PDB file of N, CA and C in Angstrom:
ATOM      1  N   UNK A   1      18.553  86.550  39.619  1.00  0.00           N
ATOM      2  CA  UNK A   1      19.971  86.561  39.890  1.00  0.00           C
ATOM      3  C   UNK A   1      20.453  88.004  39.759  1.00  0.00           C
ATOM      4  N   UNK A   2      21.173  88.492  40.743  1.00  0.00           N
ATOM      5  CA  UNK A   2      21.638  89.869  40.739  1.00  0.00           C
ATOM      6  C   UNK A   2      22.878  90.022  39.875  1.00  0.00           C
ATOM      7  N   UNK A   3      22.975  91.163  39.269  1.00  0.00           N
ATOM      8  CA  UNK A   3      24.165  91.476  38.487  1.00  0.00           C
ATOM      9  C   UNK A   3      25.256  91.952  39.422  1.00  0.00           C
ATOM     10  N   UNK A   4      26.503  91.557  39.194  1.00  0.00           N
ATOM     11  CA  UNK A   4      27.586  92.073  40.040  1.00  0.00           C
ATOM     12  C   UNK A   4      27.762  93.563  39.791  1.00  0.00           C
ATOM     13  N   UNK A   5      28.180  94.256  40.803  1.00  0.00           N
ATOM     14  CA  UNK A   5      28.345  95.706  40.685  1.00  0.00           C
ATOM     15  C   UNK A   5      29.737  96.039  40.187  1.00  0.00           C
ATOM     16  N   UNK A   6      29.802  96.749  39.099  1.00  0.00           N
ATOM     17  CA  UNK A   6      31.054  97.298  38.597  1.00  0.00           C
ATOM     18  C   UNK A   6      30.870  98.803  38.533  1.00  0.00           C
ATOM     19  N   UNK A   7      31.770  99.543  39.122  1.00  0.00           N
ATOM     20  CA  UNK A   7      31.596 100.996  39.074  1.00  0.00           C
ATOM     21  C   UNK A   7      31.654 101.489  37.637  1.00  0.00           C
ATOM     22  N   UNK A   8      30.756 102.363  37.280  1.00  0.00           N
ATOM     23  CA  UNK A   8      30.749 102.861  35.894  1.00  0.00           C
ATOM     24  C   UNK A   8      31.939 103.769  35.645  1.00  0.00           C
ATOM     25  N   UNK A   9      32.359 103.864  34.417  1.00  0.00           N
ATOM     26  CA  UNK A   9      33.411 104.819  34.105  1.00  0.00           C
ATOM     27  C   UNK A   9      32.897 106.228  34.423  1.00  0.00           C
ATOM     28  N   UNK A  10      33.738 107.059  34.963  1.00  0.00           N
ATOM     29  CA  UNK A  10      33.256 108.385  35.371  1.00  0.00           C
ATOM     30  C   UNK A  10      32.885 109.241  34.159  1.00  0.00           C
ATOM     31  N   UNK A  11      31.601 109.571  34.054  1.00  0.00           N
ATOM     32  CA  UNK A  11      31.071 110.474  33.041  1.00  0.00           C
ATOM     33  C   UNK A  11      31.547 110.167  31.620  1.00  0.00           C
ATOM     34  N   UNK A  12      31.472 108.924  31.252  1.00  0.00           N
ATOM     35  CA  UNK A  12      31.893 108.539  29.897  1.00  0.00           C
ATOM     36  C   UNK A  12      30.680 108.397  28.994  1.00  0.00           C
ATOM     37  N   UNK A  13      30.884 108.731  27.766  1.00  0.00           N
ATOM     38  CA  UNK A  13      29.829 108.539  26.779  1.00  0.00           C
ATOM     39  C   UNK A  13      29.740 107.060  26.420  1.00  0.00           C
ATOM     40  N   UNK A  14      28.666 106.700  25.769  1.00  0.00           N
ATOM     41  CA  UNK A  14      28.543 105.301  25.367  1.00  0.00           C
ATOM     42  C   UNK A  14      29.642 104.973  24.341  1.00  0.00           C
ATOM     43  N   UNK A  15      30.094 103.719  24.418  1.00  0.00           N
ATOM     44  CA  UNK A  15      31.142 103.275  23.508  1.00  0.00           C
ATOM     45  C   UNK A  15      31.871 102.074  24.075  1.00  0.00           C
ATOM     46  N   UNK A  16      32.954 101.692  23.388  1.00  0.00           N
ATOM     47  CA  UNK A  16      33.737 100.518  23.778  1.00  0.00           C
ATOM     48  C   UNK A  16      34.829 100.956  24.755  1.00  0.00           C
ATOM     49  N   UNK A  17      34.913 100.232  25.886  1.00  0.00           N
ATOM     50  CA  UNK A  17      35.916 100.510  26.911  1.00  0.00           C
ATOM     51  C   UNK A  17      36.498  99.185  27.383  1.00  0.00           C
ATOM     52  N   UNK A  18      37.594  99.265  28.115  1.00  0.00           N
ATOM     53  CA  UNK A  18      38.202  98.041  28.659  1.00  0.00           C
ATOM     54  C   UNK A  18      37.173  97.271  29.469  1.00  0.00           C
ATOM     55  N   UNK A  19      37.169  95.963  29.279  1.00  0.00           N
ATOM     56  CA  UNK A  19      36.196  95.107  29.960  1.00  0.00           C
ATOM     57  C   UNK A  19      36.485  95.093  31.467  1.00  0.00           C
ATOM     58  N   UNK A  20      35.535  95.498  32.310  1.00  0.00           N
ATOM     59  CA  UNK A  20      35.789  95.506  33.757  1.00  0.00           C
ATOM     60  C   UNK A  20      35.928  94.103  34.345  1.00  0.00           C
ATOM     61  N   UNK A  21      35.434  93.089  33.668  1.00  0.00           N
ATOM     62  CA  UNK A  21      35.580  91.732  34.191  1.00  0.00           C
ATOM     63  C   UNK A  21      36.951  91.159  33.882  1.00  0.00           C
ATOM     64  N   UNK A  22      37.650  91.757  32.902  1.00  0.00           N
ATOM     65  CA  UNK A  22      38.976  91.267  32.545  1.00  0.00           C
ATOM     66  C   UNK A  22      38.955  90.060  31.635  1.00  0.00           C
ATOM     67  N   UNK A  23      37.769  89.638  31.193  1.00  0.00           N
ATOM     68  CA  UNK A  23      37.690  88.450  30.346  1.00  0.00           C
ATOM     69  C   UNK A  23      37.899  88.765  28.875  1.00  0.00           C
ATOM     70  N   UNK A  24      37.646  89.996  28.481  1.00  0.00           N
ATOM     71  CA  UNK A  24      37.757  90.379  27.072  1.00  0.00           C
ATOM     72  C   UNK A  24      38.535  91.685  26.967  1.00  0.00           C
ATOM     73  N   UNK A  25      38.867  92.035  25.735  1.00  0.00           N
ATOM     74  CA  UNK A  25      39.558  93.292  25.490  1.00  0.00           C
ATOM     75  C   UNK A  25      38.672  94.481  25.803  1.00  0.00           C
ATOM     76  N   UNK A  26      37.440  94.460  25.320  1.00  0.00           N
ATOM     77  CA  UNK A  26      36.548  95.603  25.495  1.00  0.00           C
ATOM     78  C   UNK A  26      35.113  95.129  25.715  1.00  0.00           C
ATOM     79  N   UNK A  27      34.356  95.984  26.389  1.00  0.00           N
ATOM     80  CA  UNK A  27      32.929  95.747  26.599  1.00  0.00           C
ATOM     81  C   UNK A  27      32.219  97.068  26.320  1.00  0.00           C
ATOM     82  N   UNK A  28      31.006  96.954  25.824  1.00  0.00           N
ATOM     83  CA  UNK A  28      30.282  98.161  25.408  1.00  0.00           C
ATOM     84  C   UNK A  28      29.579  98.803  26.609  1.00  0.00           C
ATOM     85  N   UNK A  29      29.800 100.108  26.779  1.00  0.00           N
ATOM     86  CA  UNK A  29      29.148 100.903  27.816  1.00  0.00           C
ATOM     87  C   UNK A  29      28.059 101.726  27.130  1.00  0.00           C
ATOM     88  N   UNK A  30      26.797 101.532  27.548  1.00  0.00           N
ATOM     89  CA  UNK A  30      25.693 102.220  26.856  1.00  0.00           C
ATOM     90  C   UNK A  30      25.374 103.601  27.433  1.00  0.00           C
ATOM     91  N   UNK A  31      26.236 104.087  28.296  1.00  0.00           N
ATOM     92  CA  UNK A  31      26.022 105.383  28.926  1.00  0.00           C
ATOM     93  C   UNK A  31      25.466 105.265  30.327  1.00  0.00           C
ATOM     94  N   UNK A  32      24.870 104.096  30.657  1.00  0.00           N
ATOM     95  CA  UNK A  32      24.307 103.869  31.985  1.00  0.00           C
ATOM     96  C   UNK A  32      24.804 102.585  32.623  1.00  0.00           C
ATOM     97  N   UNK A  33      25.067 101.576  31.804  1.00  0.00           N
ATOM     98  CA  UNK A  33      25.502 100.278  32.351  1.00  0.00           C
ATOM     99  C   UNK A  33      26.318  99.532  31.292  1.00  0.00           C
ATOM    100  N   UNK A  34      27.050  98.531  31.777  1.00  0.00           N
ATOM    101  CA  UNK A  34      27.789  97.659  30.867  1.00  0.00           C
ATOM    102  C   UNK A  34      26.802  96.729  30.175  1.00  0.00           C
ATOM    103  N   UNK A  35      27.012  96.492  28.909  1.00  0.00           N
ATOM    104  CA  UNK A  35      26.119  95.606  28.170  1.00  0.00           C
ATOM    105  C   UNK A  35      26.772  94.240  27.991  1.00  0.00           C
ATOM    106  N   UNK A  36      26.044  93.337  27.351  1.00  0.00           N
ATOM    107  CA  UNK A  36      26.581  91.995  27.107  1.00  0.00           C
ATOM    108  C   UNK A  36      27.473  91.955  25.864  1.00  0.00           C
ATOM    109  N   UNK A  37      27.597  93.050  25.131  1.00  0.00           N
ATOM    110  CA  UNK A  37      28.384  93.082  23.895  1.00  0.00           C
ATOM    111  C   UNK A  37      29.867  93.225  24.232  1.00  0.00           C
ATOM    112  N   UNK A  38      30.673  92.304  23.680  1.00  0.00           N
ATOM    113  CA  UNK A  38      32.109  92.293  23.959  1.00  0.00           C
ATOM    114  C   UNK A  38      32.895  92.264  22.659  1.00  0.00           C
ATOM    115  N   UNK A  39      34.145  92.660  22.775  1.00  0.00           N
ATOM    116  CA  UNK A  39      35.065  92.608  21.636  1.00  0.00           C
ATOM    117  C   UNK A  39      36.380  92.039  22.134  1.00  0.00           C
ATOM    118  N   UNK A  40      36.904  91.095  21.371  1.00  0.00           N
ATOM    119  CA  UNK A  40      38.160  90.463  21.770  1.00  0.00           C
ATOM    120  C   UNK A  40      39.009  90.275  20.518  1.00  0.00           C
ATOM    121  N   UNK A  41      40.110  90.990  20.425  1.00  0.00           N
ATOM    122  CA  UNK A  41      41.005  90.956  19.269  1.00  0.00           C
ATOM    123  C   UNK A  41      40.253  91.177  17.957  1.00  0.00           C
ATOM    124  N   UNK A  42      39.364  92.143  17.960  1.00  0.00           N
ATOM    125  CA  UNK A  42      38.637  92.505  16.746  1.00  0.00           C
ATOM    126  C   UNK A  42      37.345  91.733  16.511  1.00  0.00           C
ATOM    127  N   UNK A  43      37.185  90.603  17.126  1.00  0.00           N
ATOM    128  CA  UNK A  43      35.954  89.815  16.967  1.00  0.00           C
ATOM    129  C   UNK A  43      34.934  90.274  18.003  1.00  0.00           C
ATOM    130  N   UNK A  44      33.717  90.464  17.569  1.00  0.00           N
ATOM    131  CA  UNK A  44      32.669  90.890  18.507  1.00  0.00           C
ATOM    132  C   UNK A  44      31.721  89.743  18.788  1.00  0.00           C
ATOM    133  N   UNK A  45      31.097  89.819  19.936  1.00  0.00           N
ATOM    134  CA  UNK A  45      30.143  88.797  20.335  1.00  0.00           C
ATOM    135  C   UNK A  45      29.383  89.272  21.551  1.00  0.00           C
ATOM    136  N   UNK A  46      28.687  88.360  22.178  1.00  0.00           N
ATOM    137  CA  UNK A  46      27.948  88.698  23.389  1.00  0.00           C
ATOM    138  C   UNK A  46      28.360  87.768  24.507  1.00  0.00           C
ATOM    139  N   UNK A  47      28.407  88.327  25.693  1.00  0.00           N
ATOM    140  CA  UNK A  47      28.691  87.568  26.898  1.00  0.00           C
ATOM    141  C   UNK A  47      28.036  88.317  28.051  1.00  0.00           C
ATOM    142  N   UNK A  48      27.102  87.688  28.752  1.00  0.00           N
ATOM    143  CA  UNK A  48      26.449  88.389  29.858  1.00  0.00           C
ATOM    144  C   UNK A  48      27.472  88.823  30.895  1.00  0.00           C
ATOM    145  N   UNK A  49      27.194  89.927  31.539  1.00  0.00           N
ATOM    146  CA  UNK A  49      28.111  90.445  32.543  1.00  0.00           C
ATOM    147  C   UNK A  49      28.108  89.584  33.793  1.00  0.00           C
ATOM    148  N   UNK A  50      27.068  88.746  33.953  1.00  0.00           N
ATOM    149  CA  UNK A  50      27.027  87.848  35.114  1.00  0.00           C
ATOM    150  C   UNK A  50      28.215  86.906  35.060  1.00  0.00           C
ATOM    151  N   UNK A  51      28.854  86.787  36.160  1.00  0.00           N
ATOM    152  CA  UNK A  51      30.020  85.917  36.203  1.00  0.00           C
ATOM    153  C   UNK A  51      29.600  84.490  36.532  1.00  0.00           C
ATOM    154  N   UNK A  52      30.360  83.571  36.004  1.00  0.00           N
ATOM    155  CA  UNK A  52      30.123  82.171  36.332  1.00  0.00           C
ATOM    156  C   UNK A  52      30.483  81.941  37.802  1.00  0.00           C
ATOM    157  N   UNK A  53      29.970  80.863  38.356  1.00  0.00           N
ATOM    158  CA  UNK A  53      30.186  80.594  39.774  1.00  0.00           C
ATOM    159  C   UNK A  53      31.662  80.456  40.120  1.00  0.00           C
ATOM    160  N   UNK A  54      32.440  79.819  39.250  1.00  0.00           N
ATOM    161  CA  UNK A  54      33.854  79.602  39.541  1.00  0.00           C
ATOM    162  C   UNK A  54      34.757  80.682  38.942  1.00  0.00           C
ATOM    163  N   UNK A  55      34.159  81.770  38.512  1.00  0.00           N
ATOM    164  CA  UNK A  55      34.953  82.837  37.910  1.00  0.00           C
ATOM    165  C   UNK A  55      35.478  83.801  38.964  1.00  0.00           C
ATOM    166  N   UNK A  56      35.057  83.668  40.173  1.00  0.00           N
ATOM    167  CA  UNK A  56      35.504  84.572  41.233  1.00  0.00           C
ATOM    168  C   UNK A  56      36.824  84.080  41.797  1.00  0.00           C
ATOM    169  N   UNK A  57      37.696  85.024  42.076  1.00  0.00           N
ATOM    170  CA  UNK A  57      39.037  84.696  42.555  1.00  0.00           C
ATOM    171  C   UNK A  57      38.994  83.968  43.899  1.00  0.00           C
ATOM    172  N   UNK A  58      38.153  84.406  44.813  1.00  0.00           N
ATOM    173  CA  UNK A  58      38.136  83.794  46.130  1.00  0.00           C
ATOM    174  C   UNK A  58      37.665  82.354  46.078  1.00  0.00           C
ATOM    175  N   UNK A  59      36.781  82.028  45.165  1.00  0.00           N
ATOM    176  CA  UNK A  59      36.323  80.649  45.031  1.00  0.00           C
ATOM    177  C   UNK A  59      37.464  79.776  44.531  1.00  0.00           C
ATOM    178  N   UNK A  60      38.200  80.269  43.525  1.00  0.00           N
ATOM    179  CA  UNK A  60      39.320  79.496  42.996  1.00  0.00           C
ATOM    180  C   UNK A  60      40.399  79.292  44.057  1.00  0.00           C
ATOM    181  N   UNK A  61      40.696  80.332  44.829  1.00  0.00           N
ATOM    182  CA  UNK A  61      41.712  80.205  45.873  1.00  0.00           C
ATOM    183  C   UNK A  61      41.267  79.234  46.971  1.00  0.00           C
ATOM    184  N   UNK A  62      40.015  79.310  47.354  1.00  0.00           N
ATOM    185  CA  UNK A  62      39.499  78.398  48.381  1.00  0.00           C
ATOM    186  C   UNK A  62      39.572  76.945  47.898  1.00  0.00           C
ATOM    187  N   UNK A  63      39.171  76.714  46.659  1.00  0.00           N
ATOM    188  CA  UNK A  63      39.250  75.348  46.124  1.00  0.00           C
ATOM    189  C   UNK A  63      40.689  74.859  46.057  1.00  0.00           C
ATOM    190  N   UNK A  64      41.604  75.752  45.703  1.00  0.00           N
ATOM    191  CA  UNK A  64      43.020  75.367  45.638  1.00  0.00           C
ATOM    192  C   UNK A  64      43.551  74.990  47.030  1.00  0.00           C
ATOM    193  N   UNK A  65      43.198  75.777  48.054  1.00  0.00           N
ATOM    194  CA  UNK A  65      43.645  75.480  49.426  1.00  0.00           C
ATOM    195  C   UNK A  65      43.045  74.167  49.903  1.00  0.00           C
ATOM    196  N   UNK A  66      41.778  73.937  49.630  1.00  0.00           N
ATOM    197  CA  UNK A  66      41.134  72.688  50.041  1.00  0.00           C
ATOM    198  C   UNK A  66      41.779  71.502  49.331  1.00  0.00           C
ATOM    199  N   UNK A  67      42.073  71.648  48.050  1.00  0.00           N
ATOM    200  CA  UNK A  67      42.700  70.564  47.295  1.00  0.00           C
ATOM    201  C   UNK A  67      44.083  70.237  47.849  1.00  0.00           C
ATOM    202  N   UNK A  68      44.896  71.268  48.087  1.00  0.00           N
ATOM    203  CA  UNK A  68      46.238  71.017  48.633  1.00  0.00           C
ATOM    204  C   UNK A  68      46.154  70.416  50.044  1.00  0.00           C
ATOM    205  N   UNK A  69      45.241  70.909  50.866  1.00  0.00           N
ATOM    206  CA  UNK A  69      45.085  70.362  52.211  1.00  0.00           C
ATOM    207  C   UNK A  69      44.678  68.901  52.181  1.00  0.00           C
ATOM    208  N   UNK A  70      43.742  68.561  51.315  1.00  0.00           N
ATOM    209  CA  UNK A  70      43.316  67.160  51.185  1.00  0.00           C
ATOM    210  C   UNK A  70      44.448  66.285  50.683  1.00  0.00           C
ATOM    211  N   UNK A  71      45.226  66.787  49.729  1.00  0.00           N
ATOM    212  CA  UNK A  71      46.364  66.023  49.206  1.00  0.00           C
ATOM    213  C   UNK A  71      47.388  65.757  50.301  1.00  0.00           C
ATOM    214  N   UNK A  72      47.701  66.768  51.093  1.00  0.00           N
ATOM    215  CA  UNK A  72      48.675  66.601  52.182  1.00  0.00           C
ATOM    216  C   UNK A  72      48.154  65.618  53.217  1.00  0.00           C
ATOM    217  N   UNK A  73      46.866  65.697  53.558  1.00  0.00           N
ATOM    218  CA  UNK A  73      46.296  64.754  54.517  1.00  0.00           C
ATOM    219  C   UNK A  73      46.321  63.320  53.989  1.00  0.00           C
ATOM    220  N   UNK A  74      46.011  63.131  52.732  1.00  0.00           N
ATOM    221  CA  UNK A  74      46.034  61.790  52.136  1.00  0.00           C
ATOM    222  C   UNK A  74      47.441  61.230  52.170  1.00  0.00           C
ATOM    223  N   UNK A  75      48.423  62.032  51.801  1.00  0.00           N
ATOM    224  CA  UNK A  75      49.821  61.568  51.835  1.00  0.00           C
ATOM    225  C   UNK A  75      50.225  61.234  53.263  1.00  0.00           C
ATOM    226  N   UNK A  76      49.852  62.068  54.228  1.00  0.00           N
ATOM    227  CA  UNK A  76      50.181  61.821  55.630  1.00  0.00           C
ATOM    228  C   UNK A  76      49.611  60.483  56.103  1.00  0.00           C
ATOM    229  N   UNK A  77      48.326  60.248  55.836  1.00  0.00           N
ATOM    230  CA  UNK A  77      47.708  59.010  56.308  1.00  0.00           C
ATOM    231  C   UNK A  77      48.234  57.781  55.559  1.00  0.00           C
ATOM    232  N   UNK A  78      48.597  57.920  54.293  1.00  0.00           N
ATOM    233  CA  UNK A  78      49.200  56.797  53.577  1.00  0.00           C
ATOM    234  C   UNK A  78      50.565  56.450  54.145  1.00  0.00           C
ATOM    235  N   UNK A  79      51.374  57.461  54.420  1.00  0.00           N
ATOM    236  CA  UNK A  79      52.690  57.205  55.011  1.00  0.00           C
ATOM    237  C   UNK A  79      52.520  56.600  56.390  1.00  0.00           C
ATOM    238  N   UNK A  80      51.598  57.137  57.183  1.00  0.00           N
ATOM    239  CA  UNK A  80      51.367  56.615  58.526  1.00  0.00           C
ATOM    240  C   UNK A  80      50.881  55.171  58.488  1.00  0.00           C
ATOM    241  N   UNK A  81      50.053  54.830  57.509  1.00  0.00           N
ATOM    242  CA  UNK A  81      49.508  53.472  57.413  1.00  0.00           C
ATOM    243  C   UNK A  81      50.576  52.447  57.045  1.00  0.00           C
ATOM    244  N   UNK A  82      51.510  52.825  56.194  1.00  0.00           N
ATOM    245  CA  UNK A  82      52.504  51.864  55.722  1.00  0.00           C
ATOM    246  C   UNK A  82      53.859  51.980  56.416  1.00  0.00           C
ATOM    247  N   UNK A  83      54.017  52.927  57.317  1.00  0.00           N
ATOM    248  CA  UNK A  83      55.281  53.093  58.035  1.00  0.00           C
ATOM    249  C   UNK A  83      55.387  52.019  59.101  1.00  0.00           C
ATOM    250  N   UNK A  84      56.546  51.346  59.242  1.00  0.00           N
ATOM    251  CA  UNK A  84      56.694  50.310  60.282  1.00  0.00           C
ATOM    252  C   UNK A  84      56.485  50.905  61.674  1.00  0.00           C
ATOM    253  N   UNK A  85      55.745  50.197  62.520  1.00  0.00           N
ATOM    254  CA  UNK A  85      55.427  50.757  63.835  1.00  0.00           C
ATOM    255  C   UNK A  85      56.628  50.777  64.772  1.00  0.00           C
ATOM    256  N   UNK A  86      57.531  49.850  64.640  1.00  0.00           N
ATOM    257  CA  UNK A  86      58.691  49.787  65.533  1.00  0.00           C
ATOM    258  C   UNK A  86      59.897  50.527  64.978  1.00  0.00           C
ATOM    259  N   UNK A  87      59.739  51.231  63.887  1.00  0.00           N
ATOM    260  CA  UNK A  87      60.869  51.903  63.253  1.00  0.00           C
ATOM    261  C   UNK A  87      61.211  53.165  64.014  1.00  0.00           C
ATOM    262  N   UNK A  88      62.441  53.234  64.511  1.00  0.00           N
ATOM    263  CA  UNK A  88      63.000  54.398  65.191  1.00  0.00           C
ATOM    264  C   UNK A  88      62.239  54.829  66.439  1.00  0.00           C
ATOM    265  N   UNK A  89      61.620  53.880  67.141  1.00  0.00           N
ATOM    266  CA  UNK A  89      61.082  54.263  68.445  1.00  0.00           C
ATOM    267  C   UNK A  89      62.166  54.000  69.489  1.00  0.00           C
ATOM    268  N   UNK A  90      61.926  54.366  70.723  1.00  0.00           N
ATOM    269  CA  UNK A  90      62.977  54.338  71.738  1.00  0.00           C
ATOM    270  C   UNK A  90      63.491  52.922  72.017  1.00  0.00           C
ATOM    271  N   UNK A  91      62.613  51.936  72.065  1.00  0.00           N
ATOM    272  CA  UNK A  91      63.051  50.583  72.379  1.00  0.00           C
ATOM    273  C   UNK A  91      63.897  49.991  71.245  1.00  0.00           C
ATOM    274  N   UNK A  92      63.563  50.306  69.994  1.00  0.00           N
ATOM    275  CA  UNK A  92      64.368  49.777  68.891  1.00  0.00           C
ATOM    276  C   UNK A  92      65.729  50.447  68.846  1.00  0.00           C
ATOM    277  N   UNK A  93      65.808  51.725  69.205  1.00  0.00           N
ATOM    278  CA  UNK A  93      67.105  52.406  69.248  1.00  0.00           C
ATOM    279  C   UNK A  93      67.971  51.847  70.363  1.00  0.00           C
ATOM    280  N   UNK A  94      67.361  51.532  71.504  1.00  0.00           N
ATOM    281  CA  UNK A  94      68.110  50.921  72.604  1.00  0.00           C
ATOM    282  C   UNK A  94      68.639  49.566  72.194  1.00  0.00           C
ATOM    283  N   UNK A  95      67.822  48.777  71.487  1.00  0.00           N
ATOM    284  CA  UNK A  95      68.245  47.463  71.017  1.00  0.00           C
ATOM    285  C   UNK A  95      69.418  47.591  70.044  1.00  0.00           C
ATOM    286  N   UNK A  96      69.358  48.547  69.147  1.00  0.00           N
ATOM    287  CA  UNK A  96      70.445  48.755  68.187  1.00  0.00           C
ATOM    288  C   UNK A  96      71.714  49.164  68.912  1.00  0.00           C
ATOM    289  N   UNK A  97      71.609  50.043  69.916  1.00  0.00           N
ATOM    290  CA  UNK A  97      72.771  50.500  70.667  1.00  0.00           C
ATOM    291  C   UNK A  97      73.383  49.344  71.455  1.00  0.00           C
ATOM    292  N   UNK A  98      72.543  48.553  72.131  1.00  0.00           N
ATOM    293  CA  UNK A  98      73.050  47.411  72.903  1.00  0.00           C
ATOM    294  C   UNK A  98      73.705  46.392  71.981  1.00  0.00           C
ATOM    295  N   UNK A  99      73.130  46.142  70.833  1.00  0.00           N
ATOM    296  CA  UNK A  99      73.696  45.189  69.887  1.00  0.00           C
ATOM    297  C   UNK A  99      75.070  45.687  69.403  1.00  0.00           C
ATOM    298  N   UNK A 100      75.198  46.966  69.168  1.00  0.00           N
ATOM    299  CA  UNK A 100      76.474  47.527  68.722  1.00  0.00           C
ATOM    300  C   UNK A 100      77.530  47.420  69.802  1.00  0.00           C
ATOM    301  N   UNK A 101      77.150  47.653  71.062  1.00  0.00           N
ATOM    302  CA  UNK A 101      78.107  47.553  72.168  1.00  0.00           C
ATOM    303  C   UNK A 101      78.562  46.108  72.351  1.00  0.00           C
ATOM    304  N   UNK A 102      77.660  45.128  72.223  1.00  0.00           N
ATOM    305  CA  UNK A 102      78.035  43.719  72.364  1.00  0.00           C
ATOM    306  C   UNK A 102      78.994  43.317  71.258  1.00  0.00           C
ATOM    307  N   UNK A 103      78.734  43.772  70.052  1.00  0.00           N
ATOM    308  CA  UNK A 103      79.619  43.460  68.932  1.00  0.00           C
ATOM    309  C   UNK A 103      80.988  44.068  69.173  1.00  0.00           C
ATOM    310  N   UNK A 104      81.017  45.294  69.673  1.00  0.00           N
ATOM    311  CA  UNK A 104      82.277  45.964  69.957  1.00  0.00           C
ATOM    312  C   UNK A 104      83.037  45.227  71.045  1.00  0.00           C
ATOM    313  N   UNK A 105      82.342  44.774  72.118  1.00  0.00           N
ATOM    314  CA  UNK A 105      82.996  44.028  73.187  1.00  0.00           C
ATOM    315  C   UNK A 105      83.515  42.694  72.671  1.00  0.00           C
ATOM    316  N   UNK A 106      82.755  42.003  71.843  1.00  0.00           N
ATOM    317  CA  UNK A 106      83.165  40.717  71.310  1.00  0.00           C
ATOM    318  C   UNK A 106      84.407  40.864  70.448  1.00  0.00           C
ATOM    319  N   UNK A 107      84.470  41.910  69.679  1.00  0.00           N
ATOM    320  CA  UNK A 107      85.633  42.115  68.810  1.00  0.00           C
ATOM    321  C   UNK A 107      86.838  42.555  69.621  1.00  0.00           C
ATOM    322  N   UNK A 108      86.653  43.394  70.627  1.00  0.00           N
ATOM    323  CA  UNK A 108      87.794  43.955  71.351  1.00  0.00           C
ATOM    324  C   UNK A 108      88.422  42.954  72.314  1.00  0.00           C
ATOM    325  N   UNK A 109      87.686  42.005  72.886  1.00  0.00           N
ATOM    326  CA  UNK A 109      88.266  41.044  73.818  1.00  0.00           C
ATOM    327  C   UNK A 109      89.334  40.169  73.160  1.00  0.00           C
ATOM    328  N   UNK A 110      89.121  39.566  72.001  1.00  0.00           N
ATOM    329  CA  UNK A 110      90.192  38.782  71.396  1.00  0.00           C
ATOM    330  C   UNK A 110      91.400  39.636  71.018  1.00  0.00           C
ATOM    331  N   UNK A 111      91.181  40.863  70.666  1.00  0.00           N
ATOM    332  CA  UNK A 111      92.300  41.734  70.318  1.00  0.00           C
ATOM    333  C   UNK A 111      93.171  42.015  71.533  1.00  0.00           C
ATOM    334  N   UNK A 112      92.530  42.228  72.690  1.00  0.00           N
ATOM    335  CA  UNK A 112      93.282  42.478  73.926  1.00  0.00           C
ATOM    336  C   UNK A 112      94.029  41.208  74.327  1.00  0.00           C
ATOM    337  N   UNK A 113      93.392  40.057  74.209  1.00  0.00           N
ATOM    338  CA  UNK A 113      94.030  38.787  74.579  1.00  0.00           C
ATOM    339  C   UNK A 113      95.211  38.494  73.672  1.00  0.00           C
ATOM    340  N   UNK A 114      95.095  38.733  72.387  1.00  0.00           N
ATOM    341  CA  UNK A 114      96.205  38.461  71.486  1.00  0.00           C
ATOM    342  C   UNK A 114      97.345  39.456  71.702  1.00  0.00           C
ATOM    343  N   UNK A 115      97.029  40.636  72.149  1.00  0.00           N
ATOM    344  CA  UNK A 115      98.074  41.621  72.400  1.00  0.00           C
ATOM    345  C   UNK A 115      98.850  41.250  73.656  1.00  0.00           C
ATOM    346  N   UNK A 116      98.190  40.627  74.621  1.00  0.00           N
ATOM    347  CA  UNK A 116      98.861  40.229  75.848  1.00  0.00           C
ATOM    348  C   UNK A 116      99.750  39.004  75.636  1.00  0.00           C
ATOM    349  N   UNK A 117      99.483  38.190  74.702  1.00  0.00           N
ATOM    350  CA  UNK A 117     100.272  36.979  74.474  1.00  0.00           C
ATOM    351  C   UNK A 117     101.517  37.263  73.764  1.00  0.00           C
TER     352      UNK A 117
END
């Protein structure tokens, strides 16, 4: 497994420097390469410089986009599956309009007749 490339600090002596991976406060530079020795808030330990598979930003972003896309597709297909098929299509709107006009005509005819009497 190859080690990820981190540019070395320019002409620095061996010692503790800011961790180039950003996971800890400091990492030890031995004068030639970063070592596995880390320091975080005063506590020291070891952590290989190799990054975990999901530690890369592009992997996390890709997984997030795929997750959101899948969620949106699932919601779309659920709504499509349970949405009434005749709801707000052209024939149902025509039926609603015709029904409203008939009701209006039925109500207005007796009013006109009573006004004439």
